[in-house]
Protein backbone atom coordinates (compact mmCIF):
# COMPACT_ATOMS: atom_id res chain seq x y z
CA MET A 1 15.78 -29.10 -15.37
CA LYS A 2 14.23 -25.89 -16.61
CA ARG A 3 11.98 -25.98 -19.61
CA THR A 4 13.14 -24.43 -22.85
CA VAL A 5 12.13 -20.88 -23.67
CA ILE A 6 9.72 -21.99 -26.36
CA GLY A 7 8.20 -24.56 -23.99
CA ARG A 8 7.62 -21.93 -21.34
CA ILE A 9 6.06 -19.51 -23.83
CA ALA A 10 3.81 -22.36 -24.99
CA GLY A 11 2.75 -22.84 -21.37
CA TYR A 12 1.63 -19.21 -21.18
CA MET A 13 -0.27 -19.64 -24.45
CA LYS A 14 -2.12 -22.76 -23.29
CA PRO A 15 -5.19 -20.87 -21.92
CA TYR A 16 -5.73 -19.47 -25.41
CA LEU A 17 -5.52 -22.79 -27.20
CA GLY A 18 -8.96 -22.14 -28.73
CA TYR A 19 -7.65 -19.12 -30.61
CA LEU A 20 -4.65 -21.14 -31.79
CA VAL A 21 -6.84 -24.00 -33.03
CA GLY A 22 -9.09 -21.48 -34.79
CA ALA A 23 -6.05 -19.85 -36.38
CA LEU A 24 -4.77 -23.24 -37.54
CA LEU A 25 -8.12 -24.20 -39.09
CA CYS A 26 -8.40 -20.83 -40.83
CA ALA A 27 -4.81 -21.20 -42.05
CA ILE A 28 -5.65 -24.59 -43.56
CA ILE A 29 -8.69 -23.19 -45.37
CA TYR A 30 -6.95 -19.98 -46.42
CA ILE A 31 -3.83 -21.76 -47.70
CA SER A 32 -5.86 -24.51 -49.41
CA LEU A 33 -7.86 -21.92 -51.32
CA SER A 34 -4.67 -20.02 -52.15
CA LEU A 35 -3.14 -23.21 -53.49
CA TYR A 36 -6.25 -24.04 -55.48
CA ALA A 37 -5.88 -20.74 -57.35
CA PRO A 38 -2.82 -21.86 -59.41
CA ILE A 39 -4.77 -24.91 -60.64
CA LEU A 40 -7.55 -22.62 -61.83
CA ILE A 41 -4.99 -20.35 -63.49
CA GLY A 42 -3.46 -23.41 -65.20
CA HIS A 43 -6.90 -24.52 -66.45
CA ALA A 44 -7.53 -20.99 -67.75
CA VAL A 45 -4.20 -21.05 -69.61
CA ASP A 46 -5.10 -24.41 -71.18
CA GLN A 47 -8.28 -22.83 -72.62
CA VAL A 48 -5.98 -21.08 -75.10
CA ILE A 49 -6.02 -24.08 -77.45
CA GLU A 50 -4.13 -22.55 -80.37
CA PRO A 51 -3.71 -19.14 -82.05
CA GLY A 52 -7.15 -17.66 -82.64
CA LYS A 53 -8.94 -20.50 -80.84
CA VAL A 54 -9.90 -19.76 -77.21
CA ASP A 55 -12.75 -21.27 -75.16
CA PHE A 56 -13.93 -17.93 -73.63
CA ALA A 57 -17.08 -19.40 -72.07
CA ARG A 58 -15.11 -21.96 -70.06
CA MET A 59 -12.45 -19.34 -69.24
CA ARG A 60 -15.14 -16.99 -67.82
CA GLN A 61 -16.39 -19.77 -65.54
CA ILE A 62 -12.88 -20.51 -64.35
CA LEU A 63 -12.11 -16.81 -63.72
CA LEU A 64 -15.37 -16.35 -61.78
CA LEU A 65 -14.50 -19.36 -59.61
CA LEU A 66 -10.99 -17.91 -59.19
CA ALA A 67 -12.45 -14.59 -57.94
CA VAL A 68 -14.66 -16.38 -55.39
CA THR A 69 -11.66 -18.44 -54.25
CA VAL A 70 -9.47 -15.35 -53.76
CA VAL A 71 -12.15 -13.42 -51.81
CA THR A 72 -12.96 -16.40 -49.57
CA SER A 73 -9.25 -16.98 -48.97
CA ALA A 74 -8.83 -13.34 -47.92
CA VAL A 75 -11.73 -13.62 -45.41
CA PHE A 76 -10.20 -16.68 -43.73
CA GLN A 77 -6.79 -15.00 -43.73
CA TRP A 78 -8.32 -12.07 -41.81
CA ILE A 79 -9.92 -14.44 -39.28
CA MET A 80 -6.59 -16.25 -38.87
CA THR A 81 -4.81 -12.95 -38.21
CA TYR A 82 -7.47 -11.98 -35.65
CA CYS A 83 -7.05 -15.29 -33.80
CA THR A 84 -3.25 -15.09 -33.75
CA ASN A 85 -3.40 -11.47 -32.53
CA GLN A 86 -5.77 -12.44 -29.70
CA ALA A 87 -3.59 -15.37 -28.64
CA THR A 88 -0.40 -13.32 -28.84
CA TYR A 89 -1.51 -10.15 -27.08
CA ARG A 90 -3.37 -12.00 -24.34
CA THR A 91 -0.31 -14.16 -23.73
CA VAL A 92 1.93 -11.10 -23.59
CA ARG A 93 -0.55 -9.38 -21.28
CA ASP A 94 -0.30 -12.34 -18.91
CA LEU A 95 3.50 -12.29 -19.14
CA ARG A 96 3.58 -8.59 -18.27
CA ILE A 97 1.24 -9.15 -15.31
CA LYS A 98 3.38 -12.06 -14.10
CA ALA A 99 6.53 -9.96 -14.41
CA TYR A 100 5.00 -7.03 -12.50
CA GLU A 101 3.66 -9.32 -9.77
CA LYS A 102 7.06 -11.00 -9.59
CA VAL A 103 8.80 -7.66 -9.02
CA ASN A 104 6.43 -7.04 -6.10
CA ARG A 105 7.39 -10.41 -4.60
CA LEU A 106 11.13 -10.13 -5.12
CA PRO A 107 13.18 -9.61 -1.96
CA LEU A 108 14.67 -6.17 -1.46
CA LYS A 109 18.19 -7.57 -1.75
CA TYR A 110 17.48 -8.38 -5.42
CA ILE A 111 15.99 -4.93 -6.12
CA ASP A 112 18.88 -3.22 -4.34
CA GLY A 113 21.44 -5.36 -6.15
CA HIS A 114 20.27 -4.71 -9.73
CA ALA A 115 20.10 -1.60 -11.87
CA HIS A 116 16.52 -0.37 -11.75
CA GLY A 117 16.61 0.71 -15.40
CA ASP A 118 17.61 -2.79 -16.49
CA LEU A 119 14.76 -4.27 -14.43
CA VAL A 120 12.31 -1.83 -16.03
CA SER A 121 13.70 -2.72 -19.46
CA ARG A 122 13.04 -6.42 -18.83
CA VAL A 123 9.45 -5.86 -17.72
CA VAL A 124 8.59 -3.34 -20.47
CA ASN A 125 10.92 -3.52 -23.48
CA ASP A 126 11.68 -7.23 -23.40
CA VAL A 127 7.99 -8.12 -23.08
CA ASP A 128 7.27 -5.96 -26.15
CA GLN A 129 10.00 -7.75 -28.06
CA VAL A 130 8.47 -11.10 -27.11
CA SER A 131 5.13 -9.80 -28.38
CA ASP A 132 6.53 -8.81 -31.78
CA GLY A 133 8.50 -12.01 -32.25
CA LEU A 134 5.69 -14.21 -30.98
CA LEU A 135 3.17 -12.67 -33.36
CA GLN A 136 5.48 -13.09 -36.31
CA GLY A 137 6.48 -16.60 -35.24
CA ILE A 138 2.93 -17.91 -34.82
CA THR A 139 1.77 -16.41 -38.12
CA GLN A 140 4.70 -17.84 -40.04
CA LEU A 141 4.41 -21.19 -38.27
CA PHE A 142 0.77 -21.73 -39.16
CA THR A 143 0.94 -20.40 -42.70
CA GLY A 144 4.36 -21.92 -43.37
CA VAL A 145 3.59 -25.50 -42.28
CA VAL A 146 0.24 -25.57 -44.05
CA THR A 147 1.71 -24.00 -47.19
CA ILE A 148 4.58 -26.50 -47.38
CA VAL A 149 2.36 -29.53 -46.83
CA GLY A 150 -0.34 -28.21 -49.15
CA THR A 151 1.98 -27.35 -52.02
CA LEU A 152 3.66 -30.75 -51.81
CA LEU A 153 0.29 -32.46 -52.09
CA PHE A 154 -0.79 -30.32 -55.04
CA MET A 155 2.58 -30.76 -56.77
CA LEU A 156 2.36 -34.54 -56.34
CA THR A 157 -0.94 -34.53 -58.22
CA ILE A 158 0.76 -32.80 -61.15
CA SER A 159 4.20 -34.46 -61.31
CA PRO A 160 5.76 -36.72 -58.64
CA VAL A 161 9.12 -36.60 -60.43
CA ILE A 162 9.53 -32.82 -60.31
CA THR A 163 8.15 -32.82 -56.74
CA LEU A 164 10.96 -35.19 -55.75
CA VAL A 165 13.52 -32.75 -57.18
CA VAL A 166 12.03 -29.93 -55.09
CA VAL A 167 12.06 -32.03 -51.89
CA CYS A 168 15.68 -33.08 -52.43
CA ILE A 169 16.91 -29.49 -52.71
CA THR A 170 14.83 -28.18 -49.76
CA PRO A 171 17.07 -29.51 -46.88
CA LEU A 172 19.87 -27.27 -48.14
CA SER A 173 17.70 -24.22 -47.41
CA LEU A 174 16.86 -25.52 -43.93
CA PHE A 175 20.51 -26.24 -43.16
CA VAL A 176 21.61 -22.73 -44.16
CA ALA A 177 18.87 -21.09 -42.06
CA ALA A 178 19.62 -23.25 -39.00
CA PHE A 179 23.36 -22.63 -39.23
CA ILE A 180 22.99 -18.86 -39.42
CA ALA A 181 20.37 -18.82 -36.62
CA LYS A 182 22.77 -20.65 -34.31
CA ILE A 183 25.50 -18.10 -34.94
CA SER A 184 23.27 -15.07 -34.41
CA ARG A 185 21.41 -16.32 -31.29
CA ARG A 186 24.15 -15.25 -28.86
CA ARG A 187 24.51 -11.90 -30.62
CA PHE A 188 20.88 -11.06 -29.97
CA PHE A 189 21.19 -11.94 -26.29
CA ASP A 190 24.21 -9.62 -26.04
CA GLN A 191 22.24 -6.90 -27.81
CA GLN A 192 19.35 -7.10 -25.33
CA ALA A 193 21.76 -7.15 -22.37
CA CYS A 194 23.46 -3.97 -23.62
CA GLN A 195 20.07 -2.36 -24.13
CA GLY A 196 19.14 -3.11 -20.52
CA GLU A 197 22.47 -1.68 -19.32
CA LEU A 198 21.88 1.47 -21.35
CA SER A 199 18.35 1.83 -19.94
CA GLY A 200 19.80 1.55 -16.43
CA LEU A 201 22.34 4.30 -17.10
CA ILE A 202 19.73 6.65 -18.57
CA GLU A 203 17.38 6.03 -15.63
CA GLU A 204 20.19 6.86 -13.19
CA MET A 205 21.17 10.01 -15.06
CA VAL A 206 17.61 11.31 -15.36
CA SER A 207 16.67 10.57 -11.74
CA GLY A 208 19.88 12.16 -10.45
CA ILE A 209 20.22 14.96 -13.01
CA LYS A 210 20.72 17.65 -10.35
CA THR A 211 23.59 15.73 -8.78
CA VAL A 212 25.05 15.03 -12.23
CA ARG A 213 25.13 18.73 -13.06
CA ALA A 214 26.21 19.83 -9.60
CA PHE A 215 29.33 17.66 -9.84
CA HIS A 216 29.96 18.49 -13.53
CA TYR A 217 29.50 14.83 -14.38
CA GLU A 218 27.92 15.48 -17.78
CA ASN A 219 31.04 14.71 -19.81
CA ARG A 220 31.83 11.54 -17.88
CA ALA A 221 28.19 10.46 -18.15
CA GLU A 222 28.33 11.04 -21.90
CA ASN A 223 31.55 9.01 -22.10
CA THR A 224 29.92 6.14 -20.22
CA PHE A 225 26.87 6.42 -22.47
CA ASP A 226 29.07 6.41 -25.58
CA GLU A 227 30.94 3.33 -24.34
CA ILE A 228 27.75 1.33 -23.67
CA ASN A 229 26.13 2.65 -26.83
CA ALA A 230 29.18 1.57 -28.84
CA ARG A 231 28.92 -1.93 -27.40
CA LEU A 232 25.19 -1.93 -28.20
CA TYR A 233 25.95 -0.80 -31.75
CA GLU A 234 28.61 -3.51 -32.17
CA ALA A 235 26.36 -6.24 -30.76
CA GLY A 236 23.39 -5.02 -32.82
CA GLU A 237 25.46 -4.75 -35.98
CA LYS A 238 26.80 -8.30 -35.60
CA ALA A 239 23.33 -9.65 -34.77
CA GLN A 240 21.72 -7.90 -37.73
CA PHE A 241 24.54 -8.88 -40.10
CA ASN A 242 24.41 -12.54 -39.11
CA SER A 243 20.63 -12.74 -39.29
CA SER A 244 20.49 -10.79 -42.55
CA LEU A 245 22.49 -13.55 -44.23
CA SER A 246 19.59 -15.96 -43.78
CA ASN A 247 17.14 -14.38 -46.19
CA PRO A 248 19.40 -13.94 -49.23
CA SER A 249 20.95 -17.39 -48.62
CA THR A 250 17.59 -19.15 -48.54
CA ARG A 251 16.38 -17.07 -51.49
CA PHE A 252 19.42 -18.27 -53.45
CA VAL A 253 18.56 -21.89 -52.65
CA ASN A 254 14.92 -21.23 -53.49
CA GLY A 255 16.02 -19.70 -56.77
CA ILE A 256 17.75 -22.99 -57.56
CA VAL A 257 14.48 -24.81 -56.80
CA TYR A 258 12.49 -22.50 -59.08
CA THR A 259 15.04 -22.77 -61.91
CA SER A 260 15.15 -26.57 -61.61
CA VAL A 261 11.36 -26.77 -61.84
CA ALA A 262 11.31 -24.50 -64.90
CA VAL A 263 14.04 -26.42 -66.75
CA ILE A 264 12.72 -29.90 -65.96
CA GLY A 265 9.12 -28.81 -66.69
CA ALA A 266 10.15 -27.43 -70.08
CA ILE A 267 11.94 -30.67 -70.93
CA CYS A 268 8.86 -32.67 -69.95
CA ALA A 269 6.58 -30.44 -72.07
CA ILE A 270 8.85 -30.72 -75.12
CA THR A 271 9.96 -34.38 -74.96
CA GLY A 272 7.17 -35.93 -72.88
CA ALA A 273 9.79 -37.69 -70.74
CA PRO A 274 9.80 -38.66 -67.96
CA THR A 275 6.20 -37.38 -67.84
CA GLN A 276 3.95 -35.41 -70.16
CA LEU A 277 3.04 -31.86 -68.97
CA SER A 278 0.90 -29.20 -70.58
CA VAL A 279 1.83 -25.52 -70.59
CA GLY A 280 -0.93 -24.87 -68.06
CA GLN A 281 0.43 -27.56 -65.73
CA ILE A 282 3.92 -26.07 -65.95
CA THR A 283 2.42 -22.68 -65.08
CA SER A 284 0.68 -24.20 -62.06
CA PHE A 285 3.82 -26.06 -60.99
CA LEU A 286 5.96 -22.91 -61.18
CA ALA A 287 3.38 -21.12 -59.04
CA TYR A 288 3.52 -23.97 -56.52
CA ALA A 289 7.32 -23.96 -56.50
CA ASN A 290 7.18 -20.26 -55.66
CA GLN A 291 4.53 -20.89 -52.96
CA TYR A 292 6.57 -23.79 -51.55
CA THR A 293 9.71 -21.70 -51.09
CA LYS A 294 7.82 -18.65 -49.81
CA PRO A 295 7.58 -19.84 -46.14
CA PHE A 296 11.36 -20.29 -45.97
CA ASN A 297 11.86 -16.74 -47.25
CA GLU A 298 9.28 -15.32 -44.84
CA VAL A 299 10.71 -17.10 -41.80
CA THR A 300 14.25 -15.95 -42.54
CA ALA A 301 12.95 -12.42 -43.23
CA VAL A 302 11.54 -12.18 -39.67
CA LEU A 303 14.38 -14.17 -38.12
CA THR A 304 15.76 -10.99 -36.54
CA GLN A 305 12.53 -10.36 -34.65
CA ILE A 306 12.20 -14.00 -33.65
CA GLN A 307 15.78 -14.16 -32.38
CA THR A 308 15.33 -10.89 -30.49
CA ALA A 309 12.12 -12.27 -28.98
CA PHE A 310 13.88 -15.38 -27.70
CA ALA A 311 16.74 -13.33 -26.24
CA SER A 312 14.20 -11.05 -24.55
CA ALA A 313 12.22 -14.04 -23.27
CA ARG A 314 15.36 -15.49 -21.67
CA ARG A 315 16.04 -12.19 -19.90
CA LEU A 316 12.41 -12.01 -18.76
CA PHE A 317 12.42 -15.59 -17.48
CA GLU A 318 15.61 -14.86 -15.54
CA VAL A 319 13.54 -12.40 -13.48
CA LEU A 320 10.58 -14.78 -13.20
CA ASP A 321 12.94 -17.54 -11.99
CA GLU A 322 14.46 -15.44 -9.21
CA GLU A 323 13.90 -16.62 -5.66
CA GLU A 324 11.00 -14.78 -4.06
CA GLU A 325 10.52 -13.60 -0.51
CA PRO A 326 10.06 -16.62 1.78
CA ALA A 327 6.45 -17.74 1.77
CA GLU A 328 4.26 -16.95 4.74
CA PRO A 329 3.95 -19.91 7.15
CA GLU A 330 0.58 -21.62 7.07
CA ASN A 331 -0.13 -20.52 10.63
CA ALA A 332 0.91 -16.90 10.04
CA GLN A 333 -1.03 -14.55 12.30
CA GLN A 334 -2.77 -11.22 11.99
CA VAL A 335 -1.56 -8.93 14.77
CA GLN A 336 -4.29 -7.92 17.18
CA GLY A 337 -4.40 -5.20 19.82
CA SER A 338 -3.69 -1.51 20.19
CA ASP A 339 -0.53 -1.41 22.35
CA TYR A 340 2.59 -3.01 20.95
CA SER A 341 6.00 -3.86 22.35
CA VAL A 342 9.00 -4.74 20.15
CA THR A 343 11.84 -6.99 21.31
CA PHE A 344 15.14 -7.84 19.61
CA HIS A 345 16.77 -10.95 21.06
CA ASP A 346 20.38 -11.74 20.13
CA VAL A 347 19.86 -10.53 16.53
CA SER A 348 22.67 -10.79 14.01
CA PHE A 349 22.46 -9.80 10.35
CA SER A 350 24.66 -8.99 7.36
CA TYR A 351 23.86 -8.03 3.77
CA ARG A 352 26.83 -10.04 2.51
CA PRO A 353 27.81 -13.38 4.07
CA ASN A 354 31.46 -12.46 4.58
CA THR A 355 30.84 -8.95 5.93
CA LYS A 356 29.45 -8.70 9.46
CA LEU A 357 27.07 -5.86 10.29
CA LEU A 358 24.64 -6.27 13.19
CA GLN A 359 25.95 -8.48 15.97
CA GLU A 360 24.05 -9.74 19.03
CA ILE A 361 21.53 -6.91 19.16
CA ASP A 362 19.15 -6.83 22.12
CA ILE A 363 16.40 -4.18 22.28
CA ASN A 364 13.34 -3.96 24.52
CA ALA A 365 10.85 -1.35 23.36
CA HIS A 366 7.83 -1.39 25.64
CA ALA A 367 4.41 -0.33 24.43
CA GLY A 368 4.24 3.43 24.01
CA GLN A 369 7.99 4.00 24.38
CA ARG A 370 10.00 6.28 22.13
CA ILE A 371 13.24 4.60 21.10
CA ALA A 372 15.93 6.72 19.46
CA ILE A 373 18.78 5.15 17.49
CA VAL A 374 21.96 7.19 16.98
CA GLY A 375 25.47 6.53 15.81
CA PRO A 376 27.92 7.22 12.98
CA THR A 377 27.11 6.52 9.35
CA GLY A 378 27.18 2.83 8.45
CA CYS A 379 26.76 1.53 11.99
CA GLY A 380 23.47 -0.24 11.20
CA LYS A 381 20.74 2.23 12.23
CA THR A 382 18.66 1.94 9.06
CA THR A 383 19.30 -1.81 9.00
CA ILE A 384 17.43 -2.04 12.33
CA ILE A 385 14.44 -0.44 10.59
CA ASN A 386 14.72 -2.81 7.60
CA LEU A 387 14.61 -5.79 9.95
CA ILE A 388 11.62 -4.50 11.92
CA MET A 389 9.66 -4.09 8.67
CA ARG A 390 10.88 -7.50 7.40
CA PHE A 391 12.38 -5.97 4.29
CA TYR A 392 15.15 -8.40 5.25
CA ASP A 393 15.02 -11.38 7.62
CA VAL A 394 17.50 -11.83 10.46
CA ASP A 395 20.37 -14.27 10.08
CA SER A 396 20.04 -15.39 13.68
CA GLY A 397 18.08 -14.42 16.77
CA SER A 398 14.51 -13.14 16.68
CA ILE A 399 12.40 -9.99 16.60
CA ARG A 400 9.10 -10.14 18.46
CA ILE A 401 6.02 -7.97 18.62
CA ASN A 402 3.96 -8.68 21.73
CA ASP A 403 5.97 -11.92 22.22
CA THR A 404 5.18 -13.14 18.66
CA ASP A 405 8.09 -13.70 16.27
CA ILE A 406 7.51 -11.38 13.31
CA ARG A 407 8.27 -14.31 10.98
CA GLN A 408 5.01 -15.81 12.27
CA ILE A 409 3.09 -12.63 11.38
CA THR A 410 1.86 -11.92 7.86
CA ARG A 411 3.95 -9.24 6.17
CA SER A 412 0.91 -7.15 5.28
CA SER A 413 -0.32 -7.24 8.88
CA LEU A 414 3.13 -6.41 10.23
CA ARG A 415 3.76 -3.50 7.89
CA SER A 416 0.29 -2.07 8.46
CA LEU A 417 1.30 -1.47 12.09
CA PHE A 418 3.96 1.05 11.13
CA GLY A 419 3.94 4.49 9.61
CA MET A 420 7.27 5.36 8.03
CA VAL A 421 8.77 8.73 7.20
CA LEU A 422 12.19 8.38 5.58
CA GLN A 423 14.94 10.81 4.74
CA ASP A 424 14.50 9.99 1.05
CA THR A 425 11.08 11.23 0.01
CA TRP A 426 8.96 9.39 -2.53
CA LEU A 427 6.01 10.93 -4.36
CA PHE A 428 4.29 9.73 -7.51
CA SER A 429 2.91 11.63 -10.48
CA GLY A 430 -0.57 12.74 -9.40
CA THR A 431 -2.36 15.37 -7.33
CA ILE A 432 -1.21 16.43 -3.89
CA ARG A 433 -4.41 15.00 -2.44
CA GLU A 434 -3.75 11.61 -4.05
CA ASN A 435 -0.21 11.56 -2.70
CA ILE A 436 -1.31 12.33 0.87
CA ALA A 437 -4.09 9.71 0.64
CA TYR A 438 -1.69 7.05 -0.72
CA GLY A 439 -2.14 4.82 2.33
CA LYS A 440 -5.86 5.60 2.73
CA PRO A 441 -7.41 6.05 -0.72
CA ASP A 442 -10.94 6.48 0.64
CA ALA A 443 -10.01 9.40 2.90
CA THR A 444 -12.32 12.42 2.73
CA MET A 445 -11.08 15.86 1.79
CA GLU A 446 -11.52 16.94 5.42
CA GLU A 447 -9.29 14.10 6.64
CA VAL A 448 -6.62 14.92 4.04
CA ALA A 449 -6.65 18.60 4.98
CA ALA A 450 -6.49 17.75 8.70
CA ALA A 451 -3.42 15.57 8.13
CA ALA A 452 -1.79 18.32 6.04
CA LYS A 453 -2.47 20.86 8.80
CA ALA A 454 -0.97 18.56 11.42
CA ALA A 455 2.14 18.22 9.22
CA LEU A 456 2.23 21.99 8.64
CA ALA A 457 1.81 21.44 4.89
CA HIS A 458 -1.64 23.01 4.53
CA SER A 459 -0.28 26.55 4.25
CA PHE A 460 2.00 26.00 1.25
CA ILE A 461 -0.55 23.67 -0.41
CA THR A 462 -3.25 26.35 -0.41
CA ARG A 463 -0.82 28.79 -2.05
CA LEU A 464 -0.34 26.45 -5.02
CA PRO A 465 -2.35 27.21 -8.22
CA ASN A 466 -4.88 24.40 -7.71
CA GLY A 467 -4.43 23.71 -4.03
CA TYR A 468 -4.86 20.03 -3.17
CA ASP A 469 -5.66 19.28 -6.83
CA THR A 470 -2.28 20.57 -8.01
CA MET A 471 -0.52 17.98 -10.15
CA ILE A 472 3.02 17.20 -9.11
CA SER A 473 5.58 15.60 -11.36
CA GLU A 474 7.21 12.25 -10.74
CA ASP A 475 8.98 12.23 -7.38
CA GLY A 476 7.67 15.74 -6.71
CA GLY A 477 10.20 17.47 -8.91
CA ASN A 478 8.22 20.74 -8.96
CA LEU A 479 8.28 21.00 -5.14
CA SER A 480 11.12 21.84 -2.80
CA GLN A 481 12.78 19.07 -0.80
CA GLY A 482 11.22 20.37 2.39
CA GLN A 483 7.74 20.52 0.86
CA ARG A 484 8.08 16.94 -0.35
CA GLN A 485 9.08 15.88 3.15
CA LEU A 486 6.04 17.60 4.66
CA LEU A 487 3.75 15.74 2.25
CA CYS A 488 5.33 12.43 3.27
CA ILE A 489 4.76 13.32 6.93
CA ALA A 490 1.13 14.24 6.17
CA ARG A 491 0.71 10.87 4.43
CA VAL A 492 1.68 9.04 7.64
CA MET A 493 -0.41 11.30 9.85
CA LEU A 494 -3.49 10.52 7.73
CA VAL A 495 -3.03 6.76 8.18
CA ASP A 496 -2.59 7.23 11.96
CA PRO A 497 -0.71 3.94 12.54
CA PRO A 498 -0.20 2.37 15.98
CA MET A 499 3.61 2.49 15.64
CA LEU A 500 5.97 4.96 14.02
CA ILE A 501 9.35 4.82 12.29
CA LEU A 502 11.05 8.15 11.66
CA ASP A 503 14.34 7.86 9.78
CA GLU A 504 15.79 11.38 9.63
CA ALA A 505 12.22 12.50 8.96
CA THR A 506 12.93 16.22 9.45
CA SER A 507 16.38 16.38 7.87
CA SER A 508 15.16 18.38 4.85
CA ILE A 509 13.11 20.95 6.80
CA ASP A 510 14.29 24.35 7.98
CA THR A 511 14.96 24.74 11.70
CA ARG A 512 11.81 26.77 12.51
CA THR A 513 9.50 24.36 10.67
CA GLU A 514 11.36 21.43 12.22
CA LEU A 515 10.49 22.65 15.71
CA LEU A 516 6.81 22.87 14.78
CA VAL A 517 6.82 19.44 13.09
CA GLN A 518 8.62 17.94 16.09
CA LYS A 519 5.73 19.16 18.25
CA ALA A 520 3.30 17.50 15.83
CA PHE A 521 5.35 14.30 16.04
CA GLN A 522 5.38 14.50 19.83
CA ARG A 523 1.59 14.59 19.84
CA MET A 524 1.46 11.81 17.29
CA MET A 525 3.88 9.57 19.23
CA GLU A 526 1.93 9.79 22.46
CA GLY A 527 0.88 6.29 23.41
CA ARG A 528 2.59 4.79 20.33
CA THR A 529 5.71 2.67 20.19
CA SER A 530 8.11 4.73 18.07
CA PHE A 531 11.57 4.29 16.58
CA VAL A 532 13.44 7.45 15.65
CA VAL A 533 16.72 7.39 13.70
CA ALA A 534 18.51 10.72 13.95
CA HIS A 535 21.85 12.38 13.36
CA ARG A 536 20.82 15.68 14.93
CA LEU A 537 20.77 14.71 18.59
CA SER A 538 18.71 17.75 19.54
CA THR A 539 15.67 16.05 18.02
CA ILE A 540 15.73 12.97 20.29
CA GLN A 541 16.50 14.40 23.72
CA GLY A 542 13.00 13.53 24.94
CA ALA A 543 13.24 9.84 23.96
CA ASP A 544 12.48 7.24 26.62
CA SER A 545 15.56 5.30 25.59
CA ILE A 546 18.46 6.14 23.30
CA LEU A 547 20.41 3.32 21.66
CA VAL A 548 23.95 4.30 20.72
CA MET A 549 25.36 2.14 17.93
CA ASN A 550 28.83 1.71 16.53
CA ALA A 551 30.21 -0.96 14.18
CA GLY A 552 26.99 -2.96 14.28
CA LYS A 553 26.69 -3.15 18.06
CA ILE A 554 24.76 -1.27 20.74
CA ILE A 555 27.52 0.18 22.88
CA GLU A 556 25.42 2.46 25.13
CA GLN A 557 21.79 2.71 26.15
CA GLY A 558 19.81 5.08 28.35
CA THR A 559 18.08 8.46 28.49
CA HIS A 560 19.70 11.64 27.24
CA GLU A 561 20.73 12.71 30.75
CA GLU A 562 22.02 9.27 31.69
CA LEU A 563 24.17 9.02 28.60
CA LEU A 564 25.63 12.49 29.08
CA ALA A 565 26.48 11.59 32.66
CA LYS A 566 28.42 8.53 31.45
CA LYS A 567 30.67 10.84 29.40
CA GLY A 568 31.09 8.10 26.82
CA PHE A 569 30.52 7.78 23.06
CA TYR A 570 27.12 9.53 23.11
CA ALA A 571 28.47 12.42 25.14
CA ASP A 572 31.28 12.86 22.63
CA LEU A 573 28.75 12.86 19.74
CA TYR A 574 26.52 15.36 21.52
CA ASN A 575 29.37 17.66 22.47
CA SER A 576 30.79 17.57 18.94
CA GLN A 577 27.47 18.87 17.60
CA PHE A 578 27.11 21.61 20.18
CA ALA A 579 30.75 22.53 20.69
CA ALA A 580 30.21 25.95 19.16
CA SER A 581 27.47 26.82 21.65
């Protein structure tokens, strides 16, 4: 059974128990001094004996003591705030680190199956909401509990009878607050869910803005935004309305407490029954009644933030509770050697249990061979690459590198063997040099330039305003698609891996540059086991073996000439591309 949200948050706060204990001790001292002040005020009032007769000497002593009490109370309040801030922000820092590390350990099927904007919202926005609510909650908890206990003790010393009246009315305030909190809890969860959905939509629209405008999707995107935003508004309005009822409701109950104390205190002062009270004592008691009800008002005033924090924490813990990639076996190996062979034996795989994709795949890629994979869209070409890299694990069968099942090889060791250039480029916000050196951060400028020259990127880089120190925007938005592709190729050439995966690596490059880059790839693939996924069959004619796939199966296999001679599926694909010539 999973722990409650508050229990799990408490677990993250456990390392900072010292700060919490310090905050509690400071709260006790700060509240005790604050509660001592009304007694001093009452004593000062009682120094007014009758008209024209005031004990000013005694009053000055009392007021001086009152000033020292207030200043000392303020110092301990500051220390308490410092301790709660340290405990809160360090806890939230740990939560954010855990969430980020969790994302790195989540399987690709989870990342692919969830809106990226919503995932970002959980790691960033929801953690911030937990921070705000946690800070408010801890502060109100410490000060509230100590204030309630302290005021009850001080009130008992003045009048047990009136104290009993206050205690009897208090549960009504607690009942009202609890009832409203229960109603609004679900509303806040809905609000945070809508916010995550809206973040996902905005992330999609911004990242694909060119496609949005090219297909005149602006109006439909705005309609979708308006629909989600309307749901967010409705959920937020209901959440805020429900939670906003707490404060005035508890204030109404607290007003009854204050009025009861005033009326009963006046009766006691006038009649002496059931207990005799002085005017100063009534003044002190009214101050305590106000102090006693203050925590209830403060808690209900920040109830919105606390409820939002709990809703956000639940969404965050949903991510933290997700199943991670299977753990590495204890005997997982580091791959050794320089020449590598890759073997698929009777491999079957599907992304969804009821939808078959790869079926009984057998591949033998000997060390140094160039394996091309061709076929129509959706036949499973890229899935082959995902399985080699262990982005997904096979459903049945095995994939071996040098006769070792890749599930017995550490993921980091396995993935370090391959250099990947994909059709979809990825660059981060930074300099061109930093992007090329992504896989080898300690590379010298000479090594970076050599890789860029090999990828034919050096020429356009040197024409940029700051050359290799030119800043590029996120995902390389200020570069052409072809230039981004060349930088990705240079990144792989710098790492110089023992095996290569090229998935439509030259699809975004003009024909002349493609011929030059293909020559660079040919040099790079010499002596390396390579897998090349291609639609343009002219780019893979020199492959040692071409795998022709259709509907998740390898239906033909051989060299370019052998496959043409068969006059089968590959020959039809090839002829369809070159029919004009």
